[in-house]
Structures are given as structure tokens and as C-alpha cells.
C-alpha atoms as a PDB file:
ATOM      1  CA  MET A   1      17.844   1.534  30.371  1.00  0.00           C
ATOM      2  CA  GLY A   2      17.494  -0.864  33.229  1.00  0.00           C
ATOM      3  CA  THR A   3      19.768  -3.702  34.188  1.00  0.00           C
ATOM      4  CA  GLY A   4      20.855  -4.387  30.619  1.00  0.00           C
ATOM      5  CA  ASP A   5      21.946  -1.929  28.000  1.00  0.00           C
ATOM      6  CA  THR A   6      20.851  -4.140  25.146  1.00  0.00           C
ATOM      7  CA  PRO A   7      17.515  -3.090  23.656  1.00  0.00           C
ATOM      8  CA  GLY A   8      14.916  -5.539  24.843  1.00  0.00           C
ATOM      9  CA  GLU A   9      16.566  -6.273  28.156  1.00  0.00           C
ATOM     10  CA  GLY A  10      16.150  -4.736  31.560  1.00  0.00           C
ATOM     11  CA  GLU A  11      13.571  -2.474  33.046  1.00  0.00           C
ATOM     12  CA  LEU A  12      11.450   0.293  31.641  1.00  0.00           C
ATOM     13  CA  PRO A  13      13.020   3.681  31.120  1.00  0.00           C
ATOM     14  CA  GLU A  14      11.977   5.893  34.001  1.00  0.00           C
ATOM     15  CA  THR A  15       9.979   8.153  31.688  1.00  0.00           C
ATOM     16  CA  ALA A  16       7.920   5.153  30.512  1.00  0.00           C
ATOM     17  CA  LEU A  17       6.936   3.926  33.988  1.00  0.00           C
ATOM     18  CA  GLY A  18       3.455   5.399  33.522  1.00  0.00           C
ATOM     19  CA  GLY A  19       2.929   3.408  30.327  1.00  0.00           C
ATOM     20  CA  PRO A  20       4.465  -0.058  30.538  1.00  0.00           C
ATOM     21  CA  ILE A  21       1.970  -1.618  28.114  1.00  0.00           C
ATOM     22  CA  SER A  22       2.394   1.186  25.592  1.00  0.00           C
ATOM     23  CA  TYR A  23       6.164   0.853  25.860  1.00  0.00           C
ATOM     24  CA  ALA A  24       5.951  -2.917  25.368  1.00  0.00           C
ATOM     25  CA  ILE A  25       3.719  -2.466  22.306  1.00  0.00           C
ATOM     26  CA  VAL A  26       6.144   0.007  20.730  1.00  0.00           C
ATOM     27  CA  ARG A  27       9.094  -2.305  21.372  1.00  0.00           C
ATOM     28  CA  LEU A  28       7.243  -5.362  20.100  1.00  0.00           C
ATOM     29  CA  GLY A  29       6.082  -3.477  17.014  1.00  0.00           C
ATOM     30  CA  ARG A  30       9.627  -2.372  16.232  1.00  0.00           C
ATOM     31  CA  ILE A  31      11.043  -5.872  16.654  1.00  0.00           C
ATOM     32  CA  HIS A  32       8.186  -7.418  14.648  1.00  0.00           C
ATOM     33  CA  ARG A  33       8.709  -4.921  11.829  1.00  0.00           C
ATOM     34  CA  LEU A  34      12.455  -5.656  11.754  1.00  0.00           C
ATOM     35  CA  ARG A  35      11.833  -9.402  11.567  1.00  0.00           C
ATOM     36  CA  ALA A  36       9.174  -8.892   8.879  1.00  0.00           C
ATOM     37  CA  ALA A  37      11.622  -6.749   6.891  1.00  0.00           C
ATOM     38  CA  GLN A  38      14.228  -9.521   7.031  1.00  0.00           C
ATOM     39  CA  LEU A  39      11.758 -12.090   5.733  1.00  0.00           C
ATOM     40  CA  LEU A  40      10.273  -9.801   3.079  1.00  0.00           C
ATOM     41  CA  ARG A  41      13.716  -8.979   1.686  1.00  0.00           C
ATOM     42  CA  GLU A  42      13.898 -12.628   0.588  1.00  0.00           C
ATOM     43  CA  ALA A  43      10.948 -11.889  -1.711  1.00  0.00           C
ATOM     44  CA  GLY A  44      12.389  -8.557  -2.849  1.00  0.00           C
ATOM     45  CA  LEU A  45       9.817  -6.536  -0.905  1.00  0.00           C
ATOM     46  CA  HIS A  46       9.997  -3.746   1.642  1.00  0.00           C
ATOM     47  CA  THR A  47       7.674  -3.681   4.635  1.00  0.00           C
ATOM     48  CA  SER A  48       4.176  -2.429   3.842  1.00  0.00           C
ATOM     49  CA  GLN A  49       4.478  -3.379   0.168  1.00  0.00           C
ATOM     50  CA  GLU A  50       3.075  -6.784   1.069  1.00  0.00           C
ATOM     51  CA  LEU A  51       0.141  -5.093   2.807  1.00  0.00           C
ATOM     52  CA  LEU A  52      -0.654  -3.143  -0.353  1.00  0.00           C
ATOM     53  CA  MET A  53      -0.490  -6.345  -2.386  1.00  0.00           C
ATOM     54  CA  MET A  54      -2.749  -8.116   0.149  1.00  0.00           C
ATOM     55  CA  ARG A  55      -5.300  -5.326  -0.256  1.00  0.00           C
ATOM     56  CA  LEU A  56      -5.213  -5.636  -4.045  1.00  0.00           C
ATOM     57  CA  TRP A  57      -5.366  -9.446  -4.008  1.00  0.00           C
ATOM     58  CA  ASP A  58      -8.325  -9.423  -1.630  1.00  0.00           C
ATOM     59  CA  SER A  59     -10.256  -6.416  -2.940  1.00  0.00           C
ATOM     60  CA  GLY A  60      -9.251  -6.172  -6.583  1.00  0.00           C
ATOM     61  CA  PRO A  61      -8.191  -3.069  -8.520  1.00  0.00           C
ATOM     62  CA  GLN A  62      -8.254   0.199  -6.578  1.00  0.00           C
ATOM     63  CA  ARG A  63      -7.676   3.849  -7.290  1.00  0.00           C
ATOM     64  CA  GLN A  64      -4.344   5.019  -5.938  1.00  0.00           C
ATOM     65  CA  VAL A  65      -6.029   7.800  -3.945  1.00  0.00           C
ATOM     66  CA  ASP A  66      -8.268   5.198  -2.272  1.00  0.00           C
ATOM     67  CA  LEU A  67      -5.243   3.067  -1.414  1.00  0.00           C
ATOM     68  CA  ALA A  68      -3.541   6.089   0.151  1.00  0.00           C
ATOM     69  CA  ALA A  69      -6.658   6.764   2.233  1.00  0.00           C
ATOM     70  CA  TRP A  70      -6.962   3.106   3.255  1.00  0.00           C
ATOM     71  CA  PHE A  71      -3.350   3.025   4.457  1.00  0.00           C
ATOM     72  CA  ASP A  72      -3.568   6.529   5.952  1.00  0.00           C
ATOM     73  CA  THR A  73      -0.596   7.773   3.976  1.00  0.00           C
ATOM     74  CA  ASP A  74       0.007  10.665   1.626  1.00  0.00           C
ATOM     75  CA  SER A  75      -0.403  10.326  -2.118  1.00  0.00           C
ATOM     76  CA  ALA A  76       3.328  10.850  -2.804  1.00  0.00           C
ATOM     77  CA  SER A  77       4.301   7.918  -0.554  1.00  0.00           C
ATOM     78  CA  MET A  78       1.653   5.705  -2.117  1.00  0.00           C
ATOM     79  CA  SER A  79       2.804   6.723  -5.589  1.00  0.00           C
ATOM     80  CA  ARG A  80       6.395   5.680  -4.774  1.00  0.00           C
ATOM     81  CA  THR A  81       5.211   2.340  -3.395  1.00  0.00           C
ATOM     82  CA  VAL A  82       3.066   1.666  -6.468  1.00  0.00           C
ATOM     83  CA  GLN A  83       5.937   2.666  -8.789  1.00  0.00           C
ATOM     84  CA  ARG A  84       8.302   0.218  -7.070  1.00  0.00           C
ATOM     85  CA  LEU A  85       5.768  -2.598  -7.325  1.00  0.00           C
ATOM     86  CA  GLU A  86       5.069  -1.650 -10.936  1.00  0.00           C
ATOM     87  CA  ARG A  87       8.790  -1.780 -11.807  1.00  0.00           C
ATOM     88  CA  ALA A  88       8.965  -5.215 -10.162  1.00  0.00           C
ATOM     89  CA  GLY A  89       6.068  -6.363 -12.366  1.00  0.00           C
ATOM     90  CA  TYR A  90       3.601  -6.999  -9.516  1.00  0.00           C
ATOM     91  CA  VAL A  91       1.074  -4.252 -10.310  1.00  0.00           C
ATOM     92  CA  ARG A  92       0.006  -2.236 -13.305  1.00  0.00           C
ATOM     93  CA  ARG A  93      -2.040   0.909 -13.748  1.00  0.00           C
ATOM     94  CA  VAL A  94      -5.089   0.676 -15.966  1.00  0.00           C
ATOM     95  CA  PRO A  95      -7.783   3.211 -16.892  1.00  0.00           C
ATOM     96  CA  ASP A  96     -10.732   3.312 -14.493  1.00  0.00           C
ATOM     97  CA  PRO A  97     -13.743   2.229 -16.583  1.00  0.00           C
ATOM     98  CA  ASP A  98     -16.008   4.429 -14.427  1.00  0.00           C
ATOM     99  CA  ASP A  99     -13.826   7.540 -14.653  1.00  0.00           C
ATOM    100  CA  ARG A 100     -11.453   7.820 -17.615  1.00  0.00           C
ATOM    101  CA  ARG A 101      -9.527  10.590 -15.808  1.00  0.00           C
ATOM    102  CA  ALA A 102      -8.532   8.147 -13.072  1.00  0.00           C
ATOM    103  CA  THR A 103      -6.415   5.018 -13.097  1.00  0.00           C
ATOM    104  CA  LEU A 104      -6.712   1.821 -11.127  1.00  0.00           C
ATOM    105  CA  VAL A 105      -3.871  -0.149  -9.610  1.00  0.00           C
ATOM    106  CA  GLU A 106      -4.302  -3.875 -10.131  1.00  0.00           C
ATOM    107  CA  PRO A 107      -2.206  -6.938  -9.373  1.00  0.00           C
ATOM    108  CA  THR A 108      -0.608  -8.606 -12.375  1.00  0.00           C
ATOM    109  CA  PRO A 109      -0.691 -12.333 -13.109  1.00  0.00           C
ATOM    110  CA  ALA A 110       3.019 -12.341 -12.177  1.00  0.00           C
ATOM    111  CA  SER A 111       2.036 -11.353  -8.645  1.00  0.00           C
ATOM    112  CA  LEU A 112       0.405 -14.750  -8.041  1.00  0.00           C
ATOM    113  CA  ALA A 113       3.774 -16.343  -7.277  1.00  0.00           C
ATOM    114  CA  LEU A 114       4.501 -13.407  -4.979  1.00  0.00           C
ATOM    115  CA  ARG A 115       1.202 -14.034  -3.206  1.00  0.00           C
ATOM    116  CA  ARG A 116       2.269 -17.565  -2.327  1.00  0.00           C
ATOM    117  CA  GLU A 117       5.618 -16.242  -1.089  1.00  0.00           C
ATOM    118  CA  VAL A 118       3.937 -13.554   1.040  1.00  0.00           C
ATOM    119  CA  GLN A 119       1.651 -16.204   2.538  1.00  0.00           C
ATOM    120  CA  ARG A 120       4.705 -18.292   3.398  1.00  0.00           C
ATOM    121  CA  ILE A 121       6.463 -15.290   4.930  1.00  0.00           C
ATOM    122  CA  TRP A 122       3.459 -14.335   7.051  1.00  0.00           C
ATOM    123  CA  THR A 123       3.116 -17.931   8.240  1.00  0.00           C
ATOM    124  CA  GLU A 124       6.780 -17.913   9.258  1.00  0.00           C
ATOM    125  CA  LEU A 125       6.422 -14.513  10.930  1.00  0.00           C
ATOM    126  CA  GLU A 126       3.442 -15.825  12.885  1.00  0.00           C
ATOM    127  CA  ARG A 127       5.415 -18.897  13.952  1.00  0.00           C
ATOM    128  CA  LEU A 128       8.284 -16.724  15.162  1.00  0.00           C
ATOM    129  CA  THR A 129       5.918 -14.327  16.914  1.00  0.00           C
ATOM    130  CA  VAL A 130       3.841 -16.842  18.864  1.00  0.00           C
ATOM    131  CA  GLY A 131       6.704 -19.197  19.677  1.00  0.00           C
ATOM    132  CA  GLU A 132       5.543 -21.679  22.315  1.00  0.00           C
ATOM    133  CA  LEU A 133       2.204 -19.985  23.064  1.00  0.00           C
ATOM    134  CA  THR A 134      -0.667 -22.456  23.237  1.00  0.00           C
ATOM    135  CA  ALA A 135      -3.704 -22.045  20.984  1.00  0.00           C
ATOM    136  CA  GLU A 136      -5.632 -20.756  24.012  1.00  0.00           C
ATOM    137  CA  GLN A 137      -2.935 -18.184  24.793  1.00  0.00           C
ATOM    138  CA  GLN A 138      -2.871 -17.092  21.156  1.00  0.00           C
ATOM    139  CA  ARG A 139      -6.650 -16.552  21.185  1.00  0.00           C
ATOM    140  CA  ALA A 140      -6.362 -14.578  24.428  1.00  0.00           C
ATOM    141  CA  VAL A 141      -3.558 -12.369  23.073  1.00  0.00           C
ATOM    142  CA  LEU A 142      -5.481 -11.755  19.852  1.00  0.00           C
ATOM    143  CA  GLY A 143      -8.585 -10.800  21.821  1.00  0.00           C
ATOM    144  CA  LEU A 144      -6.623  -8.378  23.994  1.00  0.00           C
ATOM    145  CA  LEU A 145      -4.893  -6.818  20.986  1.00  0.00           C
ATOM    146  CA  ARG A 146      -8.239  -6.330  19.231  1.00  0.00           C
ATOM    147  CA  GLN A 147      -9.653  -4.679  22.355  1.00  0.00           C
ATOM    148  CA  MET A 148      -6.664  -2.334  22.614  1.00  0.00           C
ATOM    149  CA  GLU A 149      -7.006  -1.486  18.927  1.00  0.00           C
ATOM    150  CA  SER A 150     -10.676  -0.703  19.481  1.00  0.00           C
ATOM    151  CA  ASN A 151      -9.794   1.443  22.501  1.00  0.00           C
ATOM    152  CA  LEU A 152      -7.385   3.502  20.426  1.00  0.00           C
ATOM    153  CA  LEU A 153      -9.766   3.857  17.485  1.00  0.00           C
ATOM    154  CA  ASP A 154     -12.594   4.964  19.794  1.00  0.00           C
ATOM    155  CA  PRO A 155     -11.107   6.678  22.852  1.00  0.00           C
ATOM    156  CA  ALA A 156     -14.603   7.146  24.331  1.00  0.00           C
ATOM    157  CA  ALA A 157     -14.982   3.345  24.503  1.00  0.00           C
ATOM    158  CA  ALA A 158     -11.931   3.114  26.758  1.00  0.00           C
ATOM    159  CA  ASP A 159     -13.522   5.356  29.414  1.00  0.00           C
END
């Protein structure tokens, strides 16, 4: 590492000198995920479980296979996540009225209190993330992040 041996301090590793922004994004993502995990533990959730719940709250019941595709994960991982949320009482599986062979995952009424807690956690995470940034700086950062996301989703657009 650079001048400091503590993660987050010092200069870029020599092998990352060609990608300082990419390195910063990876570091920021790791730190953000750790902070999110700390906050989510208060609600009894693991990271990414809140994202699944957000999807269900916003879009309604979904087939598990569609959730796995949406989150770009394998069906076994999605099944474990759904099982954990089901055991906690936040989701239930119901027959798909359009295809009796399939089941839908839907949020339970008990998840409404969780929704308020997740909103509180994400508000706190945002506060911690932006710190003293002005509203103008926040808009600029968000715009840049969206552009970088677009670049990565469509590499031809970055040329």
C-alpha cells in the first residue's frame, strides 16, 4: 500500500495505477457494503435481502426465477435468500394464478414494518455516504455514477 498500511489510506497499489477510478469504486463499494451490512443487521437482514424486498414492494409478487434473473444470480442463491426471508415472515410463496406449476414470491403484511425500517436504514446510509456534500455536488456525483454505469452496461458507448 502507499504511505499508510490501513485500508483506505495512502496511495494506490502500483498495479492499480492504470485504473485509479476503478480502484476507488471498488474500495468505496466495499466500504459502503460493510456500512450497509452494519445497519441492516439492526433489522435482522443481510445485505441484498433489502434489495429483494424493495423489488417485491415496488413491483409486487414475482416468480423466483424472474427474481434470480433480475438480480443476475443463480437460482440456488435466490432460493436461499427467499427461504431466509420466508422464515423471518417477510415473504411467502403462493401459486402463480397464470401457471399452476410455478409459485410467486410476495411480501407479507408483516413486511410493512420492515419496509419502514429499510427506508430509515437507506436514509441513514445516504446521510453517511454524502456527508458534507452540497446538493449540487450530490447531483454531480449521481450524474457521473449514472454515466459510468451506462458506460459499463454498453461498452460501445464509452468509445
